[in-house]
Amino acid sequence: METIKMGKRGTIVLPAKLRKQFGLEDGSLLNVDVVDGKISIRPAYAYEPEVWSDEERSYFILINSMTKEEWDRNLPDVLEMGIDPANIRGLSPSHRDTLPTEAEWDAHFRTAREKRSA
């Protein structure tokens, strides 16, 4: 155990050995807790979510449409972002044409359920 001295405004300096051991550097985040009358300090890990461009969001919205009707329901959201579906990288301009209708989708799964239960 090492003893450290608290400075003005409550600042403390962690020994270099501990900073190196835990990979801490200037600006590292730390969690501070009080447990059973003791102060506990441990490294904090902040997760920064990936930020998608409007084109990437549009791609995921449309590529995950399972039927023509769902595509049609999702299309206004894409157009509202100012994205032309024909210009989305990785998405075929004819993708909607490859999708089943909701009736075809339902019939496919009804048939599959019937085969499993037979």
PDB file of N, CA and C in Angstrom:
ATOM      1  N   MET A   1       0.847  -1.170   0.000  1.00  0.00           N
ATOM      2  CA  MET A   1       0.000   0.000   0.000  1.00  0.00           C
ATOM      3  C   MET A   1       0.894   1.235   0.000  1.00  0.00           C
ATOM      4  N   GLU A   2       0.506   2.213  -0.814  1.00  0.00           N
ATOM      5  CA  GLU A   2       1.238   3.471  -0.871  1.00  0.00           C
ATOM      6  C   GLU A   2       0.382   4.567  -0.268  1.00  0.00           C
ATOM      7  N   THR A   3       1.034   5.554   0.273  1.00  0.00           N
ATOM      8  CA  THR A   3       0.336   6.717   0.795  1.00  0.00           C
ATOM      9  C   THR A   3       0.538   7.863  -0.189  1.00  0.00           C
ATOM     10  N   ILE A   4      -0.560   8.522  -0.548  1.00  0.00           N
ATOM     11  CA  ILE A   4      -0.465   9.677  -1.431  1.00  0.00           C
ATOM     12  C   ILE A   4      -1.067  10.874  -0.727  1.00  0.00           C
ATOM     13  N   LYS A   5      -0.686  12.056  -1.146  1.00  0.00           N
ATOM     14  CA  LYS A   5      -1.138  13.281  -0.500  1.00  0.00           C
ATOM     15  C   LYS A   5      -2.154  13.983  -1.402  1.00  0.00           C
ATOM     16  N   MET A   6      -3.237  14.433  -0.801  1.00  0.00           N
ATOM     17  CA  MET A   6      -4.248  15.154  -1.551  1.00  0.00           C
ATOM     18  C   MET A   6      -3.834  16.610  -1.653  1.00  0.00           C
ATOM     19  N   GLY A   7      -3.989  17.168  -2.853  1.00  0.00           N
ATOM     20  CA  GLY A   7      -3.617  18.549  -3.082  1.00  0.00           C
ATOM     21  C   GLY A   7      -4.817  19.476  -3.015  1.00  0.00           C
ATOM     22  N   LYS A   8      -4.588  20.701  -3.464  1.00  0.00           N
ATOM     23  CA  LYS A   8      -5.655  21.696  -3.478  1.00  0.00           C
ATOM     24  C   LYS A   8      -6.828  21.193  -4.301  1.00  0.00           C
ATOM     25  N   ARG A   9      -8.005  21.592  -3.928  1.00  0.00           N
ATOM     26  CA  ARG A   9      -9.239  21.228  -4.627  1.00  0.00           C
ATOM     27  C   ARG A   9      -9.447  19.716  -4.709  1.00  0.00           C
ATOM     28  N   GLY A  10      -8.804  18.945  -3.824  1.00  0.00           N
ATOM     29  CA  GLY A  10      -9.023  17.508  -3.749  1.00  0.00           C
ATOM     30  C   GLY A  10      -8.267  16.689  -4.773  1.00  0.00           C
ATOM     31  N   THR A  11      -7.310  17.281  -5.460  1.00  0.00           N
ATOM     32  CA  THR A  11      -6.576  16.519  -6.474  1.00  0.00           C
ATOM     33  C   THR A  11      -5.645  15.506  -5.826  1.00  0.00           C
ATOM     34  N   ILE A  12      -5.537  14.344  -6.472  1.00  0.00           N
ATOM     35  CA  ILE A  12      -4.592  13.329  -6.027  1.00  0.00           C
ATOM     36  C   ILE A  12      -3.774  12.899  -7.240  1.00  0.00           C
ATOM     37  N   VAL A  13      -2.579  12.428  -6.986  1.00  0.00           N
ATOM     38  CA  VAL A  13      -1.717  11.929  -8.051  1.00  0.00           C
ATOM     39  C   VAL A  13      -1.537  10.430  -7.828  1.00  0.00           C
ATOM     40  N   LEU A  14      -1.946   9.650  -8.827  1.00  0.00           N
ATOM     41  CA  LEU A  14      -1.739   8.211  -8.722  1.00  0.00           C
ATOM     42  C   LEU A  14      -0.297   7.904  -9.087  1.00  0.00           C
ATOM     43  N   PRO A  15       0.359   7.038  -8.333  1.00  0.00           N
ATOM     44  CA  PRO A  15       1.747   6.689  -8.637  1.00  0.00           C
ATOM     45  C   PRO A  15       1.886   6.140 -10.056  1.00  0.00           C
ATOM     46  N   ALA A  16       3.019   6.439 -10.688  1.00  0.00           N
ATOM     47  CA  ALA A  16       3.282   6.019 -12.064  1.00  0.00           C
ATOM     48  C   ALA A  16       3.109   4.510 -12.226  1.00  0.00           C
ATOM     49  N   LYS A  17       3.522   3.748 -11.237  1.00  0.00           N
ATOM     50  CA  LYS A  17       3.413   2.282 -11.299  1.00  0.00           C
ATOM     51  C   LYS A  17       1.950   1.862 -11.481  1.00  0.00           C
ATOM     52  N   LEU A  18       1.036   2.494 -10.752  1.00  0.00           N
ATOM     53  CA  LEU A  18      -0.387   2.164 -10.875  1.00  0.00           C
ATOM     54  C   LEU A  18      -0.954   2.641 -12.211  1.00  0.00           C
ATOM     55  N   ARG A  19      -0.560   3.846 -12.633  1.00  0.00           N
ATOM     56  CA  ARG A  19      -1.040   4.353 -13.925  1.00  0.00           C
ATOM     57  C   ARG A  19      -0.635   3.410 -15.047  1.00  0.00           C
ATOM     58  N   LYS A  20       0.614   2.930 -14.998  1.00  0.00           N
ATOM     59  CA  LYS A  20       1.098   2.021 -16.030  1.00  0.00           C
ATOM     60  C   LYS A  20       0.371   0.680 -15.942  1.00  0.00           C
ATOM     61  N   GLN A  21       0.208   0.156 -14.736  1.00  0.00           N
ATOM     62  CA  GLN A  21      -0.442  -1.136 -14.530  1.00  0.00           C
ATOM     63  C   GLN A  21      -1.863  -1.155 -15.091  1.00  0.00           C
ATOM     64  N   PHE A  22      -2.582  -0.034 -14.946  1.00  0.00           N
ATOM     65  CA  PHE A  22      -3.975   0.021 -15.392  1.00  0.00           C
ATOM     66  C   PHE A  22      -4.165   0.745 -16.719  1.00  0.00           C
ATOM     67  N   GLY A  23      -3.059   1.128 -17.361  1.00  0.00           N
ATOM     68  CA  GLY A  23      -3.152   1.784 -18.664  1.00  0.00           C
ATOM     69  C   GLY A  23      -3.791   3.152 -18.602  1.00  0.00           C
ATOM     70  N   LEU A  24      -3.566   3.859 -17.514  1.00  0.00           N
ATOM     71  CA  LEU A  24      -4.164   5.183 -17.336  1.00  0.00           C
ATOM     72  C   LEU A  24      -3.235   6.257 -17.872  1.00  0.00           C
ATOM     73  N   GLU A  25      -3.831   7.263 -18.478  1.00  0.00           N
ATOM     74  CA  GLU A  25      -3.049   8.390 -18.984  1.00  0.00           C
ATOM     75  C   GLU A  25      -3.869   9.657 -18.783  1.00  0.00           C
ATOM     76  N   ASP A  26      -3.302  10.773 -19.152  1.00  0.00           N
ATOM     77  CA  ASP A  26      -3.982  12.048 -18.991  1.00  0.00           C
ATOM     78  C   ASP A  26      -5.366  11.982 -19.642  1.00  0.00           C
ATOM     79  N   GLY A  27      -6.397  12.308 -18.898  1.00  0.00           N
ATOM     80  CA  GLY A  27      -7.758  12.294 -19.422  1.00  0.00           C
ATOM     81  C   GLY A  27      -8.498  10.991 -19.214  1.00  0.00           C
ATOM     82  N   SER A  28      -7.835   9.972 -18.661  1.00  0.00           N
ATOM     83  CA  SER A  28      -8.518   8.689 -18.415  1.00  0.00           C
ATOM     84  C   SER A  28      -9.671   8.900 -17.439  1.00  0.00           C
ATOM     85  N   LEU A  29     -10.738   8.168 -17.653  1.00  0.00           N
ATOM     86  CA  LEU A  29     -11.899   8.242 -16.769  1.00  0.00           C
ATOM     87  C   LEU A  29     -11.754   7.249 -15.627  1.00  0.00           C
ATOM     88  N   LEU A  30     -12.205   7.654 -14.455  1.00  0.00           N
ATOM     89  CA  LEU A  30     -12.158   6.800 -13.266  1.00  0.00           C
ATOM     90  C   LEU A  30     -13.521   6.797 -12.596  1.00  0.00           C
ATOM     91  N   ASN A  31     -13.916   5.642 -12.054  1.00  0.00           N
ATOM     92  CA  ASN A  31     -15.117   5.545 -11.232  1.00  0.00           C
ATOM     93  C   ASN A  31     -14.693   5.642  -9.772  1.00  0.00           C
ATOM     94  N   VAL A  32     -15.435   6.409  -9.005  1.00  0.00           N
ATOM     95  CA  VAL A  32     -15.145   6.550  -7.568  1.00  0.00           C
ATOM     96  C   VAL A  32     -16.391   6.122  -6.809  1.00  0.00           C
ATOM     97  N   ASP A  33     -16.231   5.189  -5.874  1.00  0.00           N
ATOM     98  CA  ASP A  33     -17.336   4.697  -5.047  1.00  0.00           C
ATOM     99  C   ASP A  33     -16.930   4.744  -3.586  1.00  0.00           C
ATOM    100  N   VAL A  34     -17.929   4.810  -2.722  1.00  0.00           N
ATOM    101  CA  VAL A  34     -17.699   4.664  -1.294  1.00  0.00           C
ATOM    102  C   VAL A  34     -18.347   3.352  -0.885  1.00  0.00           C
ATOM    103  N   VAL A  35     -17.534   2.425  -0.381  1.00  0.00           N
ATOM    104  CA  VAL A  35     -18.020   1.112   0.025  1.00  0.00           C
ATOM    105  C   VAL A  35     -17.520   0.830   1.429  1.00  0.00           C
ATOM    106  N   ASP A  36     -18.443   0.618   2.328  1.00  0.00           N
ATOM    107  CA  ASP A  36     -18.095   0.322   3.724  1.00  0.00           C
ATOM    108  C   ASP A  36     -17.118   1.338   4.288  1.00  0.00           C
ATOM    109  N   GLY A  37     -17.353   2.618   4.025  1.00  0.00           N
ATOM    110  CA  GLY A  37     -16.510   3.672   4.577  1.00  0.00           C
ATOM    111  C   GLY A  37     -15.159   3.810   3.905  1.00  0.00           C
ATOM    112  N   LYS A  38     -14.954   3.132   2.778  1.00  0.00           N
ATOM    113  CA  LYS A  38     -13.686   3.211   2.061  1.00  0.00           C
ATOM    114  C   LYS A  38     -13.934   3.833   0.680  1.00  0.00           C
ATOM    115  N   ILE A  39     -12.966   4.603   0.213  1.00  0.00           N
ATOM    116  CA  ILE A  39     -13.044   5.183  -1.120  1.00  0.00           C
ATOM    117  C   ILE A  39     -12.401   4.205  -2.096  1.00  0.00           C
ATOM    118  N   SER A  40     -13.150   3.857  -3.119  1.00  0.00           N
ATOM    119  CA  SER A  40     -12.665   2.921  -4.134  1.00  0.00           C
ATOM    120  C   SER A  40     -12.562   3.663  -5.466  1.00  0.00           C
ATOM    121  N   ILE A  41     -11.395   3.582  -6.093  1.00  0.00           N
ATOM    122  CA  ILE A  41     -11.177   4.204  -7.397  1.00  0.00           C
ATOM    123  C   ILE A  41     -10.789   3.100  -8.376  1.00  0.00           C
ATOM    124  N   ARG A  42     -11.485   3.057  -9.524  1.00  0.00           N
ATOM    125  CA  ARG A  42     -11.149   2.054 -10.537  1.00  0.00           C
ATOM    126  C   ARG A  42     -11.337   2.663 -11.923  1.00  0.00           C
ATOM    127  N   PRO A  43     -10.643   2.118 -12.913  1.00  0.00           N
ATOM    128  CA  PRO A  43     -10.776   2.640 -14.274  1.00  0.00           C
ATOM    129  C   PRO A  43     -12.219   2.534 -14.764  1.00  0.00           C
ATOM    130  N   ALA A  44     -12.661   3.541 -15.481  1.00  0.00           N
ATOM    131  CA  ALA A  44     -13.991   3.533 -16.096  1.00  0.00           C
ATOM    132  C   ALA A  44     -13.805   3.359 -17.591  1.00  0.00           C
ATOM    133  N   TYR A  45     -14.708   2.644 -18.190  1.00  0.00           N
ATOM    134  CA  TYR A  45     -14.635   2.421 -19.623  1.00  0.00           C
ATOM    135  C   TYR A  45     -15.872   3.027 -20.266  1.00  0.00           C
ATOM    136  N   ALA A  46     -15.655   4.008 -21.098  1.00  0.00           N
ATOM    137  CA  ALA A  46     -16.754   4.679 -21.789  1.00  0.00           C
ATOM    138  C   ALA A  46     -16.899   4.075 -23.178  1.00  0.00           C
ATOM    139  N   TYR A  47     -18.107   3.709 -23.513  1.00  0.00           N
ATOM    140  CA  TYR A  47     -18.404   3.161 -24.828  1.00  0.00           C
ATOM    141  C   TYR A  47     -18.929   4.294 -25.701  1.00  0.00           C
ATOM    142  N   GLU A  48     -18.288   4.509 -26.818  1.00  0.00           N
ATOM    143  CA  GLU A  48     -18.752   5.520 -27.756  1.00  0.00           C
ATOM    144  C   GLU A  48     -19.436   4.806 -28.914  1.00  0.00           C
ATOM    145  N   PRO A  49     -20.761   4.954 -28.999  1.00  0.00           N
ATOM    146  CA  PRO A  49     -21.475   4.255 -30.066  1.00  0.00           C
ATOM    147  C   PRO A  49     -21.079   4.775 -31.443  1.00  0.00           C
ATOM    148  N   GLU A  50     -21.117   3.872 -32.390  1.00  0.00           N
ATOM    149  CA  GLU A  50     -20.819   4.248 -33.771  1.00  0.00           C
ATOM    150  C   GLU A  50     -21.914   5.187 -34.270  1.00  0.00           C
ATOM    151  N   VAL A  51     -21.531   6.216 -34.968  1.00  0.00           N
ATOM    152  CA  VAL A  51     -22.496   7.153 -35.525  1.00  0.00           C
ATOM    153  C   VAL A  51     -22.600   6.879 -37.020  1.00  0.00           C
ATOM    154  N   TRP A  52     -23.807   6.576 -37.469  1.00  0.00           N
ATOM    155  CA  TRP A  52     -24.023   6.259 -38.870  1.00  0.00           C
ATOM    156  C   TRP A  52     -24.441   7.495 -39.640  1.00  0.00           C
ATOM    157  N   SER A  53     -23.993   7.555 -40.884  1.00  0.00           N
ATOM    158  CA  SER A  53     -24.429   8.637 -41.772  1.00  0.00           C
ATOM    159  C   SER A  53     -25.879   8.360 -42.173  1.00  0.00           C
ATOM    160  N   ASP A  54     -26.552   9.369 -42.722  1.00  0.00           N
ATOM    161  CA  ASP A  54     -27.922   9.164 -43.194  1.00  0.00           C
ATOM    162  C   ASP A  54     -27.968   8.081 -44.267  1.00  0.00           C
ATOM    163  N   GLU A  55     -26.949   8.009 -45.124  1.00  0.00           N
ATOM    164  CA  GLU A  55     -26.926   6.973 -46.158  1.00  0.00           C
ATOM    165  C   GLU A  55     -26.828   5.582 -45.532  1.00  0.00           C
ATOM    166  N   GLU A  56     -25.983   5.436 -44.503  1.00  0.00           N
ATOM    167  CA  GLU A  56     -25.855   4.137 -43.836  1.00  0.00           C
ATOM    168  C   GLU A  56     -27.163   3.756 -43.136  1.00  0.00           C
ATOM    169  N   ARG A  57     -27.789   4.719 -42.456  1.00  0.00           N
ATOM    170  CA  ARG A  57     -29.072   4.442 -41.794  1.00  0.00           C
ATOM    171  C   ARG A  57     -30.119   4.049 -42.823  1.00  0.00           C
ATOM    172  N   SER A  58     -30.142   4.750 -43.953  1.00  0.00           N
ATOM    173  CA  SER A  58     -31.105   4.444 -45.013  1.00  0.00           C
ATOM    174  C   SER A  58     -30.886   3.033 -45.547  1.00  0.00           C
ATOM    175  N   TYR A  59     -29.622   2.670 -45.741  1.00  0.00           N
ATOM    176  CA  TYR A  59     -29.300   1.320 -46.212  1.00  0.00           C
ATOM    177  C   TYR A  59     -29.881   0.280 -45.255  1.00  0.00           C
ATOM    178  N   PHE A  60     -29.622   0.438 -43.952  1.00  0.00           N
ATOM    179  CA  PHE A  60     -30.089  -0.554 -42.986  1.00  0.00           C
ATOM    180  C   PHE A  60     -31.609  -0.585 -42.889  1.00  0.00           C
ATOM    181  N   ILE A  61     -32.237   0.574 -43.000  1.00  0.00           N
ATOM    182  CA  ILE A  61     -33.705   0.614 -42.963  1.00  0.00           C
ATOM    183  C   ILE A  61     -34.276  -0.188 -44.122  1.00  0.00           C
ATOM    184  N   LEU A  62     -33.751   0.044 -45.325  1.00  0.00           N
ATOM    185  CA  LEU A  62     -34.322  -0.607 -46.504  1.00  0.00           C
ATOM    186  C   LEU A  62     -33.883  -2.059 -46.662  1.00  0.00           C
ATOM    187  N   ILE A  63     -32.639  -2.379 -46.370  1.00  0.00           N
ATOM    188  CA  ILE A  63     -32.163  -3.753 -46.552  1.00  0.00           C
ATOM    189  C   ILE A  63     -32.851  -4.700 -45.570  1.00  0.00           C
ATOM    190  N   ASN A  64     -33.344  -4.167 -44.437  1.00  0.00           N
ATOM    191  CA  ASN A  64     -34.033  -4.998 -43.448  1.00  0.00           C
ATOM    192  C   ASN A  64     -35.536  -5.054 -43.665  1.00  0.00           C
ATOM    193  N   SER A  65     -36.021  -4.413 -44.711  1.00  0.00           N
ATOM    194  CA  SER A  65     -37.435  -4.534 -45.066  1.00  0.00           C
ATOM    195  C   SER A  65     -37.652  -5.936 -45.612  1.00  0.00           C
ATOM    196  N   MET A  66     -38.617  -6.650 -45.066  1.00  0.00           N
ATOM    197  CA  MET A  66     -38.811  -8.049 -45.431  1.00  0.00           C
ATOM    198  C   MET A  66     -39.843  -8.241 -46.548  1.00  0.00           C
ATOM    199  N   THR A  67     -40.690  -7.246 -46.767  1.00  0.00           N
ATOM    200  CA  THR A  67     -41.710  -7.348 -47.815  1.00  0.00           C
ATOM    201  C   THR A  67     -41.768  -6.042 -48.597  1.00  0.00           C
ATOM    202  N   LYS A  68     -42.437  -6.101 -49.747  1.00  0.00           N
ATOM    203  CA  LYS A  68     -42.614  -4.887 -50.556  1.00  0.00           C
ATOM    204  C   LYS A  68     -43.371  -3.824 -49.758  1.00  0.00           C
ATOM    205  N   GLU A  69     -44.394  -4.253 -49.016  1.00  0.00           N
ATOM    206  CA  GLU A  69     -45.190  -3.302 -48.243  1.00  0.00           C
ATOM    207  C   GLU A  69     -44.364  -2.655 -47.129  1.00  0.00           C
ATOM    208  N   GLU A  70     -43.512  -3.450 -46.488  1.00  0.00           N
ATOM    209  CA  GLU A  70     -42.658  -2.884 -45.438  1.00  0.00           C
ATOM    210  C   GLU A  70     -41.681  -1.881 -46.047  1.00  0.00           C
ATOM    211  N   TRP A  71     -41.122  -2.204 -47.205  1.00  0.00           N
ATOM    212  CA  TRP A  71     -40.244  -1.269 -47.934  1.00  0.00           C
ATOM    213  C   TRP A  71     -40.994   0.044 -48.164  1.00  0.00           C
ATOM    214  N   ASP A  72     -42.236  -0.084 -48.646  1.00  0.00           N
ATOM    215  CA  ASP A  72     -43.031   1.110 -48.948  1.00  0.00           C
ATOM    216  C   ASP A  72     -43.323   1.933 -47.688  1.00  0.00           C
ATOM    217  N   ARG A  73     -43.505   1.256 -46.554  1.00  0.00           N
ATOM    218  CA  ARG A  73     -43.730   1.980 -45.291  1.00  0.00           C
ATOM    219  C   ARG A  73     -42.459   2.673 -44.817  1.00  0.00           C
ATOM    220  N   ASN A  74     -41.296   2.072 -45.099  1.00  0.00           N
ATOM    221  CA  ASN A  74     -40.018   2.635 -44.648  1.00  0.00           C
ATOM    222  C   ASN A  74     -39.473   3.712 -45.580  1.00  0.00           C
ATOM    223  N   LEU A  75     -39.876   3.670 -46.837  1.00  0.00           N
ATOM    224  CA  LEU A  75     -39.343   4.591 -47.832  1.00  0.00           C
ATOM    225  C   LEU A  75     -39.507   6.072 -47.464  1.00  0.00           C
ATOM    226  N   PRO A  76     -40.649   6.520 -46.931  1.00  0.00           N
ATOM    227  CA  PRO A  76     -40.766   7.946 -46.577  1.00  0.00           C
ATOM    228  C   PRO A  76     -39.707   8.412 -45.574  1.00  0.00           C
ATOM    229  N   ASP A  77     -39.313   7.541 -44.638  1.00  0.00           N
ATOM    230  CA  ASP A  77     -38.261   7.910 -43.672  1.00  0.00           C
ATOM    231  C   ASP A  77     -36.938   8.162 -44.380  1.00  0.00           C
ATOM    232  N   VAL A  78     -36.653   7.338 -45.383  1.00  0.00           N
ATOM    233  CA  VAL A  78     -35.412   7.479 -46.148  1.00  0.00           C
ATOM    234  C   VAL A  78     -35.452   8.760 -46.976  1.00  0.00           C
ATOM    235  N   LEU A  79     -36.568   8.979 -47.637  1.00  0.00           N
ATOM    236  CA  LEU A  79     -36.705  10.179 -48.467  1.00  0.00           C
ATOM    237  C   LEU A  79     -36.655  11.449 -47.624  1.00  0.00           C
ATOM    238  N   GLU A  80     -37.188  11.373 -46.407  1.00  0.00           N
ATOM    239  CA  GLU A  80     -37.157  12.529 -45.491  1.00  0.00           C
ATOM    240  C   GLU A  80     -35.717  12.924 -45.134  1.00  0.00           C
ATOM    241  N   MET A  81     -34.811  11.940 -45.155  1.00  0.00           N
ATOM    242  CA  MET A  81     -33.397  12.231 -44.892  1.00  0.00           C
ATOM    243  C   MET A  81     -32.703  12.804 -46.124  1.00  0.00           C
ATOM    244  N   GLY A  82     -33.444  12.894 -47.224  1.00  0.00           N
ATOM    245  CA  GLY A  82     -32.866  13.433 -48.450  1.00  0.00           C
ATOM    246  C   GLY A  82     -32.032  12.421 -49.215  1.00  0.00           C
ATOM    247  N   ILE A  83     -32.287  11.135 -48.985  1.00  0.00           N
ATOM    248  CA  ILE A  83     -31.508  10.079 -49.631  1.00  0.00           C
ATOM    249  C   ILE A  83     -32.335   9.455 -50.754  1.00  0.00           C
ATOM    250  N   ASP A  84     -31.718   9.332 -51.926  1.00  0.00           N
ATOM    251  CA  ASP A  84     -32.342   8.648 -53.059  1.00  0.00           C
ATOM    252  C   ASP A  84     -31.949   7.176 -52.971  1.00  0.00           C
ATOM    253  N   PRO A  85     -32.926   6.266 -52.772  1.00  0.00           N
ATOM    254  CA  PRO A  85     -32.596   4.842 -52.626  1.00  0.00           C
ATOM    255  C   PRO A  85     -31.803   4.285 -53.792  1.00  0.00           C
ATOM    256  N   ALA A  86     -31.969   4.846 -54.977  1.00  0.00           N
ATOM    257  CA  ALA A  86     -31.244   4.350 -56.149  1.00  0.00           C
ATOM    258  C   ALA A  86     -29.757   4.623 -56.046  1.00  0.00           C
ATOM    259  N   ASN A  87     -29.364   5.539 -55.140  1.00  0.00           N
ATOM    260  CA  ASN A  87     -27.950   5.910 -55.019  1.00  0.00           C
ATOM    261  C   ASN A  87     -27.291   5.395 -53.743  1.00  0.00           C
ATOM    262  N   ILE A  88     -27.976   4.513 -53.009  1.00  0.00           N
ATOM    263  CA  ILE A  88     -27.399   3.988 -51.771  1.00  0.00           C
ATOM    264  C   ILE A  88     -26.391   2.901 -52.123  1.00  0.00           C
ATOM    265  N   ARG A  89     -25.148   3.118 -51.715  1.00  0.00           N
ATOM    266  CA  ARG A  89     -24.077   2.167 -51.992  1.00  0.00           C
ATOM    267  C   ARG A  89     -24.398   0.809 -51.357  1.00  0.00           C
ATOM    268  N   GLY A  90     -24.260  -0.249 -52.152  1.00  0.00           N
ATOM    269  CA  GLY A  90     -24.489  -1.604 -51.645  1.00  0.00           C
ATOM    270  C   GLY A  90     -25.922  -2.077 -51.758  1.00  0.00           C
ATOM    271  N   LEU A  91     -26.830  -1.187 -52.140  1.00  0.00           N
ATOM    272  CA  LEU A  91     -28.236  -1.560 -52.259  1.00  0.00           C
ATOM    273  C   LEU A  91     -28.622  -1.520 -53.730  1.00  0.00           C
ATOM    274  N   SER A  92     -29.012  -2.661 -54.266  1.00  0.00           N
ATOM    275  CA  SER A  92     -29.401  -2.734 -55.674  1.00  0.00           C
ATOM    276  C   SER A  92     -30.639  -1.874 -55.905  1.00  0.00           C
ATOM    277  N   PRO A  93     -30.663  -1.101 -56.979  1.00  0.00           N
ATOM    278  CA  PRO A  93     -31.850  -0.283 -57.279  1.00  0.00           C
ATOM    279  C   PRO A  93     -33.113  -1.123 -57.444  1.00  0.00           C
ATOM    280  N   SER A  94     -32.939  -2.411 -57.763  1.00  0.00           N
ATOM    281  CA  SER A  94     -34.105  -3.286 -57.943  1.00  0.00           C
ATOM    282  C   SER A  94     -34.375  -4.154 -56.708  1.00  0.00           C
ATOM    283  N   HIS A  95     -33.795  -3.807 -55.565  1.00  0.00           N
ATOM    284  CA  HIS A  95     -33.943  -4.644 -54.364  1.00  0.00           C
ATOM    285  C   HIS A  95     -35.418  -4.849 -53.998  1.00  0.00           C
ATOM    286  N   ARG A  96     -36.215  -3.783 -54.070  1.00  0.00           N
ATOM    287  CA  ARG A  96     -37.629  -3.901 -53.711  1.00  0.00           C
ATOM    288  C   ARG A  96     -38.312  -4.973 -54.549  1.00  0.00           C
ATOM    289  N   ASP A  97     -37.951  -5.056 -55.830  1.00  0.00           N
ATOM    290  CA  ASP A  97     -38.584  -6.024 -56.731  1.00  0.00           C
ATOM    291  C   ASP A  97     -38.295  -7.464 -56.333  1.00  0.00           C
ATOM    292  N   THR A  98     -37.223  -7.697 -55.576  1.00  0.00           N
ATOM    293  CA  THR A  98     -36.872  -9.060 -55.160  1.00  0.00           C
ATOM    294  C   THR A  98     -37.620  -9.497 -53.901  1.00  0.00           C
ATOM    295  N   LEU A  99     -38.307  -8.563 -53.256  1.00  0.00           N
ATOM    296  CA  LEU A  99     -39.000  -8.871 -52.006  1.00  0.00           C
ATOM    297  C   LEU A  99     -40.369  -9.488 -52.277  1.00  0.00           C
ATOM    298  N   PRO A 100     -40.817 -10.381 -51.385  1.00  0.00           N
ATOM    299  CA  PRO A 100     -42.171 -10.922 -51.523  1.00  0.00           C
ATOM    300  C   PRO A 100     -43.196  -9.901 -51.026  1.00  0.00           C
ATOM    301  N   THR A 101     -44.431 -10.093 -51.400  1.00  0.00           N
ATOM    302  CA  THR A 101     -45.498  -9.288 -50.803  1.00  0.00           C
ATOM    303  C   THR A 101     -45.781  -9.865 -49.410  1.00  0.00           C
ATOM    304  N   GLU A 102     -46.551  -9.145 -48.617  1.00  0.00           N
ATOM    305  CA  GLU A 102     -46.881  -9.660 -47.285  1.00  0.00           C
ATOM    306  C   GLU A 102     -47.700 -10.941 -47.395  1.00  0.00           C
ATOM    307  N   ALA A 103     -48.568 -11.011 -48.400  1.00  0.00           N
ATOM    308  CA  ALA A 103     -49.375 -12.229 -48.598  1.00  0.00           C
ATOM    309  C   ALA A 103     -48.471 -13.413 -48.943  1.00  0.00           C
ATOM    310  N   GLU A 104     -47.485 -13.191 -49.810  1.00  0.00           N
ATOM    311  CA  GLU A 104     -46.540 -14.265 -50.165  1.00  0.00           C
ATOM    312  C   GLU A 104     -45.713 -14.678 -48.949  1.00  0.00           C
ATOM    313  N   TRP A 105     -45.290 -13.698 -48.160  1.00  0.00           N
ATOM    314  CA  TRP A 105     -44.506 -13.951 -46.956  1.00  0.00           C
ATOM    315  C   TRP A 105     -45.303 -14.815 -45.978  1.00  0.00           C
ATOM    316  N   ASP A 106     -46.569 -14.419 -45.744  1.00  0.00           N
ATOM    317  CA  ASP A 106     -47.421 -15.171 -44.821  1.00  0.00           C
ATOM    318  C   ASP A 106     -47.676 -16.591 -45.328  1.00  0.00           C
ATOM    319  N   ALA A 107     -47.926 -16.720 -46.636  1.00  0.00           N
ATOM    320  CA  ALA A 107     -48.188 -18.037 -47.217  1.00  0.00           C
ATOM    321  C   ALA A 107     -46.969 -18.944 -47.071  1.00  0.00           C
ATOM    322  N   HIS A 108     -45.786 -18.383 -47.287  1.00  0.00           N
ATOM    323  CA  HIS A 108     -44.552 -19.164 -47.155  1.00  0.00           C
ATOM    324  C   HIS A 108     -44.430 -19.736 -45.736  1.00  0.00           C
ATOM    325  N   PHE A 109     -44.658 -18.892 -44.727  1.00  0.00           N
ATOM    326  CA  PHE A 109     -44.502 -19.362 -43.347  1.00  0.00           C
ATOM    327  C   PHE A 109     -45.658 -20.264 -42.919  1.00  0.00           C
ATOM    328  N   ARG A 110     -46.842 -20.047 -43.468  1.00  0.00           N
ATOM    329  CA  ARG A 110     -47.956 -20.934 -43.162  1.00  0.00           C
ATOM    330  C   ARG A 110     -47.637 -22.338 -43.686  1.00  0.00           C
ATOM    331  N   THR A 111     -47.110 -22.412 -44.911  1.00  0.00           N
ATOM    332  CA  THR A 111     -46.731 -23.697 -45.502  1.00  0.00           C
ATOM    333  C   THR A 111     -45.626 -24.363 -44.695  1.00  0.00           C
ATOM    334  N   ALA A 112     -44.643 -23.586 -44.276  1.00  0.00           N
ATOM    335  CA  ALA A 112     -43.537 -24.137 -43.487  1.00  0.00           C
ATOM    336  C   ALA A 112     -44.040 -24.686 -42.155  1.00  0.00           C
ATOM    337  N   ARG A 113     -44.985 -23.977 -41.508  1.00  0.00           N
ATOM    338  CA  ARG A 113     -45.550 -24.455 -40.228  1.00  0.00           C
ATOM    339  C   ARG A 113     -46.327 -25.757 -40.436  1.00  0.00           C
ATOM    340  N   GLU A 114     -47.076 -25.794 -41.532  1.00  0.00           N
ATOM    341  CA  GLU A 114     -47.869 -26.993 -41.818  1.00  0.00           C
ATOM    342  C   GLU A 114     -46.960 -28.193 -42.058  1.00  0.00           C
ATOM    343  N   LYS A 115     -45.848 -27.994 -42.750  1.00  0.00           N
ATOM    344  CA  LYS A 115     -44.920 -29.090 -42.997  1.00  0.00           C
ATOM    345  C   LYS A 115     -44.293 -29.594 -41.703  1.00  0.00           C
ATOM    346  N   ARG A 116     -43.985 -28.653 -40.784  1.00  0.00           N
ATOM    347  CA  ARG A 116     -43.391 -29.063 -39.500  1.00  0.00           C
ATOM    348  C   ARG A 116     -44.373 -29.833 -38.642  1.00  0.00           C
ATOM    349  N   SER A 117     -45.628 -29.446 -38.691  1.00  0.00           N
ATOM    350  CA  SER A 117     -46.611 -30.104 -37.824  1.00  0.00           C
ATOM    351  C   SER A 117     -47.151 -31.406 -38.421  1.00  0.00           C
ATOM    352  N   ALA A 118     -46.856 -31.650 -39.687  1.00  0.00           N
ATOM    353  CA  ALA A 118     -47.358 -32.889 -40.333  1.00  0.00           C
ATOM    354  C   ALA A 118     -46.543 -34.109 -39.949  1.00  0.00           C
TER     355      ALA A 118
END
